[in-house]
């Protein structure tokens, strides 16, 4: 298995086997505006590395969706409680 690294710039991404990149390649990528993704993967091929990255991103999105959903429920309950309290308040 080989270690693969990802570089991103706006809507563009590039994936490389880490062993194929030298300092000049990395410098050129940075000059072109690419930034290294914080995760890298051991994989059999570039496609396998991309699949692993996408799976990891999907897991993160699912966790964020669940986190956001839980907070939305709490906010709705809080708002309902606030409205009921204000309506029952003796002015």
N, C-alpha and C. Protein backbone atom coordinates (compact mmCIF):
# COMPACT_ATOMS: atom_id res chain seq x y z
N UNK A 1 0.83 -1.18 0.00
CA UNK A 1 0.00 0.00 0.00
C UNK A 1 0.87 1.24 0.00
N UNK A 2 0.36 2.24 -0.63
CA UNK A 2 1.08 3.51 -0.76
C UNK A 2 0.30 4.60 -0.03
N UNK A 3 1.02 5.59 0.46
CA UNK A 3 0.39 6.73 1.13
C UNK A 3 0.07 7.79 0.07
N UNK A 4 -1.20 8.23 0.05
CA UNK A 4 -1.65 9.23 -0.91
C UNK A 4 -1.99 10.52 -0.18
N UNK A 5 -1.64 11.64 -0.80
CA UNK A 5 -1.93 12.96 -0.25
C UNK A 5 -2.79 13.73 -1.24
N UNK A 6 -3.58 14.65 -0.70
CA UNK A 6 -4.51 15.44 -1.50
C UNK A 6 -4.18 16.91 -1.40
N UNK A 7 -4.29 17.60 -2.52
CA UNK A 7 -4.12 19.05 -2.56
C UNK A 7 -5.36 19.65 -3.18
N UNK A 8 -5.86 20.74 -2.56
CA UNK A 8 -7.09 21.38 -3.00
C UNK A 8 -6.87 22.85 -3.30
N UNK A 9 -7.63 23.32 -4.29
CA UNK A 9 -7.67 24.76 -4.61
C UNK A 9 -9.05 25.03 -5.20
N UNK A 10 -9.84 25.85 -4.52
CA UNK A 10 -11.18 26.19 -4.95
C UNK A 10 -11.92 24.93 -5.36
N UNK A 11 -12.30 24.76 -6.61
CA UNK A 11 -13.05 23.59 -7.04
C UNK A 11 -12.19 22.48 -7.61
N UNK A 12 -10.88 22.58 -7.45
CA UNK A 12 -9.96 21.63 -8.05
C UNK A 12 -9.23 20.83 -6.98
N UNK A 13 -9.02 19.57 -7.24
CA UNK A 13 -8.24 18.76 -6.32
C UNK A 13 -7.27 17.89 -7.11
N UNK A 14 -6.18 17.55 -6.44
CA UNK A 14 -5.17 16.68 -7.04
C UNK A 14 -4.77 15.66 -5.99
N UNK A 15 -4.52 14.43 -6.43
CA UNK A 15 -4.09 13.38 -5.52
C UNK A 15 -2.77 12.80 -6.04
N UNK A 16 -1.85 12.58 -5.10
CA UNK A 16 -0.53 12.08 -5.47
C UNK A 16 -0.10 10.99 -4.50
N UNK A 17 0.64 10.03 -5.01
CA UNK A 17 1.34 9.12 -4.12
C UNK A 17 2.44 9.95 -3.47
N UNK A 18 2.51 9.91 -2.16
CA UNK A 18 3.45 10.78 -1.46
C UNK A 18 4.90 10.54 -1.92
N UNK A 19 5.22 9.32 -2.28
CA UNK A 19 6.59 9.00 -2.68
C UNK A 19 6.98 9.63 -4.02
N UNK A 20 5.98 10.09 -4.79
CA UNK A 20 6.28 10.69 -6.10
C UNK A 20 6.51 12.19 -6.02
N UNK A 21 6.19 12.79 -4.87
CA UNK A 21 6.35 14.24 -4.71
C UNK A 21 7.70 14.57 -4.09
N UNK A 22 8.36 15.53 -4.67
CA UNK A 22 9.57 16.04 -4.03
C UNK A 22 9.31 17.48 -3.57
N UNK A 23 10.27 18.09 -2.95
CA UNK A 23 10.08 19.45 -2.41
C UNK A 23 9.73 20.46 -3.49
N UNK A 24 10.30 20.30 -4.68
CA UNK A 24 10.00 21.22 -5.78
C UNK A 24 8.55 21.10 -6.23
N UNK A 25 8.05 19.86 -6.28
CA UNK A 25 6.65 19.64 -6.66
C UNK A 25 5.71 20.30 -5.65
N UNK A 26 6.01 20.11 -4.38
CA UNK A 26 5.18 20.69 -3.32
C UNK A 26 5.23 22.21 -3.38
N UNK A 27 6.41 22.75 -3.61
CA UNK A 27 6.57 24.20 -3.72
C UNK A 27 5.75 24.74 -4.90
N UNK A 28 5.79 24.03 -6.03
CA UNK A 28 5.04 24.46 -7.20
C UNK A 28 3.53 24.41 -6.93
N UNK A 29 3.08 23.37 -6.27
CA UNK A 29 1.66 23.28 -5.93
C UNK A 29 1.24 24.46 -5.05
N UNK A 30 2.07 24.79 -4.07
CA UNK A 30 1.74 25.91 -3.18
C UNK A 30 1.74 27.24 -3.93
N UNK A 31 2.67 27.39 -4.88
CA UNK A 31 2.71 28.62 -5.68
C UNK A 31 1.46 28.73 -6.56
N UNK A 32 0.91 27.60 -6.96
CA UNK A 32 -0.30 27.58 -7.78
C UNK A 32 -1.55 27.77 -6.93
N UNK A 33 -1.38 27.87 -5.62
CA UNK A 33 -2.52 28.12 -4.73
C UNK A 33 -3.13 26.88 -4.10
N UNK A 34 -2.51 25.73 -4.28
CA UNK A 34 -3.04 24.51 -3.69
C UNK A 34 -2.62 24.41 -2.23
N UNK A 35 -3.51 23.83 -1.43
CA UNK A 35 -3.22 23.59 -0.02
C UNK A 35 -3.40 22.11 0.25
N UNK A 36 -2.54 21.58 1.10
CA UNK A 36 -2.59 20.16 1.42
C UNK A 36 -3.77 19.87 2.33
N UNK A 37 -4.50 18.82 2.01
CA UNK A 37 -5.60 18.37 2.86
C UNK A 37 -5.00 17.80 4.13
N UNK A 38 -5.68 17.99 5.25
CA UNK A 38 -5.13 17.55 6.53
C UNK A 38 -5.10 16.04 6.71
N UNK A 39 -5.83 15.30 5.88
CA UNK A 39 -5.81 13.83 5.95
C UNK A 39 -5.08 13.25 4.76
N UNK A 40 -4.38 12.15 5.00
CA UNK A 40 -3.81 11.39 3.90
C UNK A 40 -4.14 9.92 4.18
N UNK A 41 -4.11 9.10 3.15
CA UNK A 41 -4.59 7.73 3.26
C UNK A 41 -3.62 6.73 2.67
N UNK A 42 -3.54 5.57 3.30
CA UNK A 42 -2.85 4.44 2.71
C UNK A 42 -3.86 3.70 1.85
N UNK A 43 -3.52 3.48 0.58
CA UNK A 43 -4.46 2.85 -0.34
C UNK A 43 -3.70 2.08 -1.41
N UNK A 44 -4.44 1.24 -2.10
CA UNK A 44 -3.88 0.44 -3.18
C UNK A 44 -3.69 1.25 -4.47
N UNK A 45 -4.54 2.28 -4.64
CA UNK A 45 -4.49 3.08 -5.86
C UNK A 45 -5.02 4.47 -5.58
N UNK A 46 -4.88 5.37 -6.56
CA UNK A 46 -5.44 6.72 -6.42
C UNK A 46 -6.94 6.65 -6.21
N UNK A 47 -7.60 5.81 -7.00
CA UNK A 47 -9.06 5.70 -6.90
C UNK A 47 -9.47 5.22 -5.51
N UNK A 48 -8.74 4.27 -4.96
CA UNK A 48 -9.02 3.77 -3.62
C UNK A 48 -8.84 4.89 -2.59
N UNK A 49 -7.81 5.71 -2.75
CA UNK A 49 -7.57 6.84 -1.85
C UNK A 49 -8.72 7.84 -1.93
N UNK A 50 -9.17 8.11 -3.14
CA UNK A 50 -10.30 9.04 -3.34
C UNK A 50 -11.55 8.49 -2.68
N UNK A 51 -11.78 7.20 -2.84
CA UNK A 51 -12.94 6.56 -2.21
C UNK A 51 -12.88 6.68 -0.70
N UNK A 52 -11.69 6.47 -0.13
CA UNK A 52 -11.53 6.60 1.33
C UNK A 52 -11.76 8.04 1.79
N UNK A 53 -11.27 8.99 1.03
CA UNK A 53 -11.48 10.40 1.38
C UNK A 53 -12.97 10.73 1.33
N UNK A 54 -13.64 10.31 0.29
CA UNK A 54 -15.08 10.58 0.16
C UNK A 54 -15.87 9.93 1.29
N UNK A 55 -15.50 8.71 1.66
CA UNK A 55 -16.18 8.03 2.76
C UNK A 55 -15.98 8.79 4.07
N UNK A 56 -14.76 9.24 4.30
CA UNK A 56 -14.49 10.03 5.51
C UNK A 56 -15.26 11.34 5.52
N UNK A 57 -15.33 12.00 4.38
CA UNK A 57 -16.09 13.25 4.28
C UNK A 57 -17.57 13.01 4.54
N UNK A 58 -18.09 11.89 4.01
CA UNK A 58 -19.51 11.58 4.21
C UNK A 58 -19.79 11.32 5.69
N UNK A 59 -18.88 10.62 6.37
CA UNK A 59 -19.04 10.39 7.81
C UNK A 59 -19.07 11.72 8.56
N UNK A 60 -18.18 12.63 8.20
CA UNK A 60 -18.15 13.95 8.86
C UNK A 60 -19.43 14.72 8.61
N UNK A 61 -19.93 14.68 7.37
CA UNK A 61 -21.17 15.38 7.05
C UNK A 61 -22.36 14.78 7.82
N UNK A 62 -22.40 13.46 7.91
CA UNK A 62 -23.48 12.81 8.66
C UNK A 62 -23.43 13.20 10.13
N UNK A 63 -22.24 13.24 10.70
CA UNK A 63 -22.11 13.63 12.11
C UNK A 63 -22.54 15.08 12.31
N UNK A 64 -22.15 15.96 11.38
CA UNK A 64 -22.53 17.36 11.47
C UNK A 64 -24.04 17.52 11.32
N UNK A 65 -24.64 16.77 10.41
CA UNK A 65 -26.09 16.81 10.21
C UNK A 65 -26.81 16.37 11.49
N UNK A 66 -26.32 15.31 12.12
CA UNK A 66 -26.92 14.83 13.35
C UNK A 66 -26.76 15.86 14.47
N UNK A 67 -25.57 16.43 14.58
CA UNK A 67 -25.30 17.45 15.59
C UNK A 67 -26.22 18.65 15.39
N UNK A 68 -26.33 19.12 14.14
CA UNK A 68 -27.19 20.27 13.85
C UNK A 68 -28.65 19.96 14.13
N UNK A 69 -29.08 18.76 13.79
CA UNK A 69 -30.46 18.35 14.03
C UNK A 69 -30.79 18.34 15.50
N UNK A 70 -29.88 17.83 16.33
CA UNK A 70 -30.10 17.79 17.77
C UNK A 70 -30.23 19.20 18.33
N UNK A 71 -29.40 20.10 17.86
CA UNK A 71 -29.47 21.49 18.34
C UNK A 71 -30.74 22.18 17.86
N UNK A 72 -31.20 21.85 16.67
CA UNK A 72 -32.42 22.46 16.16
C UNK A 72 -33.61 22.05 17.03
N UNK A 73 -33.67 20.80 17.44
CA UNK A 73 -34.75 20.34 18.31
C UNK A 73 -34.72 21.11 19.63
N UNK A 74 -33.55 21.29 20.19
CA UNK A 74 -33.43 22.03 21.45
C UNK A 74 -33.88 23.48 21.28
N UNK A 75 -33.52 24.10 20.18
CA UNK A 75 -33.91 25.49 19.93
C UNK A 75 -35.43 25.61 19.79
N UNK A 76 -36.03 24.69 19.06
CA UNK A 76 -37.49 24.71 18.89
C UNK A 76 -38.19 24.55 20.23
N UNK A 77 -37.73 23.61 21.04
CA UNK A 77 -38.32 23.41 22.36
C UNK A 77 -38.15 24.66 23.22
N UNK A 78 -36.99 25.26 23.18
CA UNK A 78 -36.73 26.49 23.93
C UNK A 78 -37.66 27.61 23.48
N UNK A 79 -37.83 27.77 22.18
CA UNK A 79 -38.72 28.82 21.67
C UNK A 79 -40.17 28.57 22.07
N UNK A 80 -40.62 27.34 22.00
CA UNK A 80 -42.00 27.01 22.40
C UNK A 80 -42.19 27.32 23.88
N UNK A 81 -41.22 26.94 24.69
CA UNK A 81 -41.29 27.21 26.13
C UNK A 81 -41.34 28.72 26.40
N UNK A 82 -40.52 29.46 25.69
CA UNK A 82 -40.48 30.91 25.85
C UNK A 82 -41.82 31.53 25.46
N UNK A 83 -42.39 31.12 24.33
CA UNK A 83 -43.67 31.66 23.88
C UNK A 83 -44.77 31.33 24.87
N UNK A 84 -44.83 30.09 25.33
CA UNK A 84 -45.85 29.69 26.30
C UNK A 84 -45.69 30.48 27.59
N UNK A 85 -44.47 30.66 28.04
CA UNK A 85 -44.21 31.43 29.26
C UNK A 85 -44.65 32.87 29.10
N UNK A 86 -44.34 33.49 27.97
CA UNK A 86 -44.72 34.88 27.73
C UNK A 86 -46.23 35.04 27.61
N UNK A 87 -46.89 34.06 26.99
CA UNK A 87 -48.35 34.14 26.86
C UNK A 87 -49.05 33.98 28.20
N UNK A 88 -48.47 33.25 29.10
CA UNK A 88 -49.08 33.01 30.42
C UNK A 88 -48.63 34.02 31.47
N UNK A 89 -47.76 34.92 31.10
CA UNK A 89 -47.23 35.92 32.03
C UNK A 89 -48.32 36.92 32.39
N UNK A 90 -48.45 37.20 33.65
CA UNK A 90 -49.43 38.19 34.11
C UNK A 90 -48.80 39.56 34.06
N UNK A 91 -49.18 40.34 33.13
CA UNK A 91 -48.60 41.67 32.94
C UNK A 91 -49.28 42.58 33.86
